[in-house]
C-alpha cells in the first residue's frame, strides 16, 4: 500500500501532468531566505518541498525542517545527503540508494543506519533509485559520494539502472545532474528512461528556465526539481513561471 505523501505526488502527476518540487538547501542560504521560499510555495504552484544538502556543515537541520513545515501546507520531504539528516519534523523522506555508483556507503550503509531512525520518527519513506548523470561539473554530490556519474550519451546504461530500481521495488527514479550543474539531464535520456520503466521519473539539476522544465516534462518526466536557480534568483513570479511550465505539459514551445 502506497503512503499518503507518495499517493499525493501521484495524484498531482495525474491531475497536472507533472509535479513541481522546490529544493531548499538550508545549509547554503540564510534562514530568512529559505523561510521566504517556504512562504512562497503555496501561492506559486509548488507541489512539494524537498529539503536537504549534500554536505551538512553548520545548519541545525531539524530546526530548519520544523520552521519550513510551519510556513507551508505543502508536503515537506527530506532529500538526505546522509542518515544524519533524518528527523521527525518532515512528512516523508526520499529513501534513496545511489545506484549509479558502486560506493557501498551510499548503496546500502547509509540506508541501514537510517532505517531505524525513519521508523522511530514515523515519517513516510519513499524508496527512490538515485542516478547521477554527467553534467559537466564536479558537483557536491559527486565529490562527497566518491562515485562516477553515468555518461551523458549513455542513455542505455541509465535505462538499465532505472529498470533495476523498478525491479527492486523502488517507487521513483531520480535522474540527477547535481546542484550547480553546467548542463541538465539530456532530453533524449529523459525520454528513453521514462518510456523504458513503469515508475515515475524525477529530473533535477541545471534547470533554470520554464522552457527547459517544459522540455523535460514533454520528454516524459513526472516531476521536476529546481533549487539552485531559485535560491540565487528569489522571485515569486519566476517560481510561478517554472511551476506553470511544469504543469502545462506541452503548452510552452521548446
Protein backbone atom coordinates (compact mmCIF):
# COMPACT_ATOMS: atom_id res chain seq x y z
CA UNK A 1 0.00 0.00 0.00
CA UNK A 2 1.34 3.42 -1.01
CA UNK A 3 1.92 6.05 1.67
CA UNK A 4 -0.06 9.27 1.90
CA UNK A 5 2.63 11.61 0.53
CA UNK A 6 3.57 9.30 -2.35
CA UNK A 7 -0.13 8.99 -3.22
CA UNK A 8 -0.43 12.79 -3.22
CA UNK A 9 2.51 13.03 -5.58
CA UNK A 10 0.89 10.54 -7.94
CA UNK A 11 -2.39 12.46 -7.76
CA UNK A 12 -0.54 15.65 -8.68
CA UNK A 13 1.07 13.95 -11.66
CA UNK A 14 -2.30 12.58 -12.78
CA UNK A 15 -4.07 15.91 -12.40
CA UNK A 16 -1.44 18.33 -13.70
CA UNK A 17 0.67 16.17 -15.98
CA UNK A 18 3.77 16.57 -13.82
CA UNK A 19 4.72 17.89 -10.39
CA UNK A 20 6.98 20.81 -9.50
CA UNK A 21 9.25 20.24 -6.49
CA UNK A 22 11.20 23.12 -4.97
CA UNK A 23 14.53 22.11 -3.39
CA UNK A 24 15.74 24.08 -0.38
CA UNK A 25 19.25 23.61 0.97
CA UNK A 26 19.20 25.34 4.39
CA UNK A 27 22.94 24.92 4.70
CA UNK A 28 23.57 27.24 1.72
CA UNK A 29 21.28 30.21 2.33
CA UNK A 30 20.30 32.29 5.39
CA UNK A 31 17.26 31.33 7.44
CA UNK A 32 15.24 34.35 6.34
CA UNK A 33 15.80 33.36 2.70
CA UNK A 34 14.74 29.73 2.98
CA UNK A 35 11.72 30.69 5.07
CA UNK A 36 10.75 33.23 2.41
CA UNK A 37 10.93 30.44 -0.15
CA UNK A 38 8.70 28.28 2.04
CA UNK A 39 6.25 31.18 2.38
CA UNK A 40 6.04 31.45 -1.41
CA UNK A 41 5.33 27.77 -2.04
CA UNK A 42 1.57 27.76 -1.54
CA UNK A 43 0.93 30.69 -3.87
CA UNK A 44 3.50 29.90 -6.55
CA UNK A 45 2.34 26.47 -7.69
CA UNK A 46 4.90 24.40 -5.80
CA UNK A 47 3.58 20.86 -5.25
CA UNK A 48 6.07 19.76 -2.57
CA UNK A 49 9.27 20.99 -0.95
CA UNK A 50 12.43 18.91 -0.84
CA UNK A 51 14.86 19.84 1.93
CA UNK A 52 18.39 18.52 2.03
CA UNK A 53 22.08 19.09 1.47
CA UNK A 54 24.96 17.01 0.14
CA UNK A 55 27.26 18.11 2.95
CA UNK A 56 25.79 19.49 6.16
CA UNK A 57 28.23 21.93 7.69
CA UNK A 58 26.57 24.40 10.02
CA UNK A 59 22.80 24.35 9.94
CA UNK A 60 20.53 22.99 12.65
CA UNK A 61 18.79 20.73 10.16
CA UNK A 62 15.83 19.57 12.32
CA UNK A 63 15.13 23.19 13.29
CA UNK A 64 15.19 24.20 9.61
CA UNK A 65 12.74 21.44 8.66
CA UNK A 66 10.44 22.35 11.53
CA UNK A 67 10.38 26.04 10.59
CA UNK A 68 9.82 25.31 6.91
CA UNK A 69 6.98 22.96 7.79
CA UNK A 70 5.35 25.68 9.90
CA UNK A 71 5.35 28.07 6.91
CA UNK A 72 3.64 25.92 4.28
CA UNK A 73 0.81 23.47 3.74
CA UNK A 74 2.77 21.67 1.04
CA UNK A 75 4.39 18.29 1.79
CA UNK A 76 7.91 18.68 3.16
CA UNK A 77 10.15 15.81 2.07
CA UNK A 78 13.70 15.18 3.25
CA UNK A 79 16.16 14.75 0.38
CA UNK A 80 19.04 13.43 2.51
CA UNK A 81 22.75 13.58 1.94
CA UNK A 82 23.22 11.24 4.90
CA UNK A 83 21.29 9.46 7.63
CA UNK A 84 22.12 12.37 9.98
CA UNK A 85 19.50 14.49 8.22
CA UNK A 86 16.62 12.23 9.30
CA UNK A 87 14.29 13.92 11.79
CA UNK A 88 10.61 13.75 12.79
CA UNK A 89 9.51 17.18 11.52
CA UNK A 90 9.16 16.25 7.83
CA UNK A 91 6.25 14.47 6.20
CA UNK A 92 8.34 11.99 4.23
CA UNK A 93 11.85 11.15 3.06
CA UNK A 94 13.25 10.05 -0.28
CA UNK A 95 14.74 6.78 0.93
CA UNK A 96 17.28 6.74 -1.85
CA UNK A 97 20.05 4.42 -2.95
CA UNK A 98 22.81 5.76 -5.21
CA UNK A 99 22.51 3.03 -7.82
CA UNK A 100 24.68 4.75 -10.42
CA UNK A 101 27.74 4.43 -8.17
CA UNK A 102 29.45 1.45 -6.62
CA UNK A 103 30.30 3.02 -3.27
CA UNK A 104 28.68 0.71 -0.67
CA UNK A 105 28.24 3.62 1.76
CA UNK A 106 25.60 5.21 -0.46
CA UNK A 107 24.26 1.98 -1.92
CA UNK A 108 23.27 0.43 1.42
CA UNK A 109 25.27 1.52 4.51
CA UNK A 110 23.57 4.91 4.96
CA UNK A 111 20.21 3.21 4.40
CA UNK A 112 20.84 0.66 7.15
CA UNK A 113 21.83 3.42 9.56
CA UNK A 114 18.82 5.49 8.59
CA UNK A 115 16.06 2.86 8.54
CA UNK A 116 15.61 2.57 12.34
CA UNK A 117 15.58 6.37 12.62
CA UNK A 118 12.85 6.66 9.99
CA UNK A 119 10.77 4.10 11.86
CA UNK A 120 11.34 5.91 15.16
CA UNK A 121 10.50 9.31 13.63
CA UNK A 122 7.37 7.84 11.99
CA UNK A 123 7.89 9.61 8.66
CA UNK A 124 6.96 8.09 5.31
CA UNK A 125 9.82 6.51 3.34
CA UNK A 126 9.59 6.76 -0.46
CA UNK A 127 12.06 4.24 -1.95
CA UNK A 128 14.00 6.01 -4.70
CA UNK A 129 16.63 4.90 -7.18
CA UNK A 130 19.10 7.78 -7.39
CA UNK A 131 21.14 8.10 -10.59
CA UNK A 132 23.86 10.70 -11.04
CA UNK A 133 24.30 11.82 -14.64
CA UNK A 134 27.35 13.58 -16.06
CA UNK A 135 26.69 17.34 -16.03
CA UNK A 136 29.97 18.99 -16.99
CA UNK A 137 30.92 19.90 -13.42
CA UNK A 138 32.18 18.19 -10.27
CA UNK A 139 29.09 18.73 -8.13
CA UNK A 140 28.94 18.38 -4.35
CA UNK A 141 27.15 15.05 -4.53
CA UNK A 142 29.77 13.62 -6.90
CA UNK A 143 32.63 14.72 -4.68
CA UNK A 144 31.03 13.56 -1.42
CA UNK A 145 29.83 10.21 -2.79
CA UNK A 146 33.15 9.44 -4.47
CA UNK A 147 31.39 7.93 -7.48
CA UNK A 148 31.41 8.29 -11.25
CA UNK A 149 28.29 9.63 -12.96
CA UNK A 150 26.59 7.86 -15.85
CA UNK A 151 27.93 9.43 -19.08
CA UNK A 152 25.50 11.87 -20.71
CA UNK A 153 25.44 9.99 -24.01
CA UNK A 154 24.82 6.56 -22.41
CA UNK A 155 21.02 6.50 -22.20
CA UNK A 156 21.10 2.71 -22.41
CA UNK A 157 23.12 2.49 -19.18
CA UNK A 158 20.71 4.89 -17.47
CA UNK A 159 17.77 2.75 -18.64
CA UNK A 160 19.33 -0.42 -17.22
CA UNK A 161 19.94 1.23 -13.84
CA UNK A 162 16.40 2.65 -13.78
CA UNK A 163 14.88 -0.72 -14.60
CA UNK A 164 16.91 -2.33 -11.83
CA UNK A 165 15.46 0.25 -9.43
CA UNK A 166 11.94 -0.65 -10.56
CA UNK A 167 12.57 -4.38 -10.23
CA UNK A 168 13.95 -3.84 -6.72
CA UNK A 169 10.61 -2.32 -5.76
CA UNK A 170 11.54 1.35 -5.74
CA UNK A 171 8.75 3.87 -6.27
CA UNK A 172 10.72 6.61 -8.05
CA UNK A 173 13.80 7.05 -10.21
CA UNK A 174 15.68 10.32 -9.77
CA UNK A 175 17.88 11.47 -12.66
CA UNK A 176 20.23 13.97 -11.05
CA UNK A 177 22.68 16.34 -12.72
CA UNK A 178 23.59 17.87 -9.35
CA UNK A 179 23.35 21.28 -7.74
CA UNK A 180 25.09 23.89 -9.86
CA UNK A 181 25.27 21.56 -12.86
CA UNK A 182 26.59 23.14 -16.04
CA UNK A 183 24.22 21.05 -18.14
CA UNK A 184 20.84 19.49 -17.26
CA UNK A 185 19.94 15.86 -17.94
CA UNK A 186 19.84 15.27 -21.72
CA UNK A 187 16.27 15.34 -23.00
CA UNK A 188 16.84 12.17 -25.01
CA UNK A 189 17.91 10.34 -21.84
CA UNK A 190 14.77 11.52 -20.02
CA UNK A 191 12.68 10.27 -22.93
CA UNK A 192 14.37 6.87 -23.09
CA UNK A 193 14.30 6.23 -19.35
CA UNK A 194 10.69 7.41 -18.92
CA UNK A 195 9.48 5.17 -21.73
CA UNK A 196 11.55 2.19 -20.55
CA UNK A 197 10.24 1.91 -17.00
CA UNK A 198 6.82 1.97 -15.35
CA UNK A 199 7.56 4.11 -12.31
CA UNK A 200 7.71 7.94 -12.20
CA UNK A 201 10.91 9.74 -13.13
CA UNK A 202 12.20 12.81 -11.28
CA UNK A 203 14.57 15.13 -13.14
CA UNK A 204 16.73 17.71 -11.36
CA UNK A 205 19.90 19.73 -11.68
CA UNK A 206 20.82 22.52 -14.08
CA UNK A 207 17.24 23.54 -14.90
CA UNK A 208 16.95 27.31 -14.99
CA UNK A 209 14.16 28.29 -17.39
CA UNK A 210 10.47 27.46 -17.82
CA UNK A 211 11.28 26.22 -21.32
CA UNK A 212 13.90 23.74 -20.07
CA UNK A 213 11.47 22.42 -17.46
CA UNK A 214 8.69 22.01 -20.03
CA UNK A 215 11.09 20.21 -22.35
CA UNK A 216 11.82 17.54 -19.72
CA UNK A 217 8.12 17.12 -18.95
CA UNK A 218 7.35 16.73 -22.64
CA UNK A 219 10.04 14.05 -22.75
CA UNK A 220 8.29 12.07 -20.01
CA UNK A 221 9.49 13.40 -16.66
CA UNK A 222 6.87 13.05 -13.92
CA UNK A 223 8.47 15.52 -11.50
CA UNK A 224 10.85 18.44 -11.96
CA UNK A 225 13.16 19.67 -9.19
CA UNK A 226 14.62 23.17 -9.17
CA UNK A 227 16.69 24.54 -6.31
CA UNK A 228 19.93 26.35 -7.06
CA UNK A 229 18.49 28.84 -9.56
CA UNK A 230 15.57 29.65 -7.25
CA UNK A 231 17.95 30.29 -4.35
CA UNK A 232 20.06 32.62 -6.49
CA UNK A 233 17.14 34.43 -8.08
CA UNK A 234 14.42 34.58 -5.45
CA UNK A 235 11.44 35.94 -7.30
CA UNK A 236 7.89 34.61 -6.77
CA UNK A 237 7.00 35.36 -10.40
CA UNK A 238 9.97 33.26 -11.54
CA UNK A 239 8.85 30.35 -9.35
CA UNK A 240 5.31 30.68 -10.73
CA UNK A 241 6.63 30.59 -14.28
CA UNK A 242 8.62 27.43 -13.57
CA UNK A 243 5.64 25.72 -11.93
CA UNK A 244 3.32 26.76 -14.75
CA UNK A 245 5.71 25.32 -17.33
CA UNK A 246 5.81 22.01 -15.49
CA UNK A 247 2.06 21.86 -15.08
CA UNK A 248 1.28 22.94 -18.62
CA UNK A 249 2.82 19.80 -20.17
CA UNK A 250 3.45 20.93 -23.67
CA UNK A 251 1.85 24.37 -23.72
CA UNK A 252 5.21 26.13 -23.78
CA UNK A 253 7.07 25.97 -27.06
CA UNK A 254 10.52 24.41 -26.72
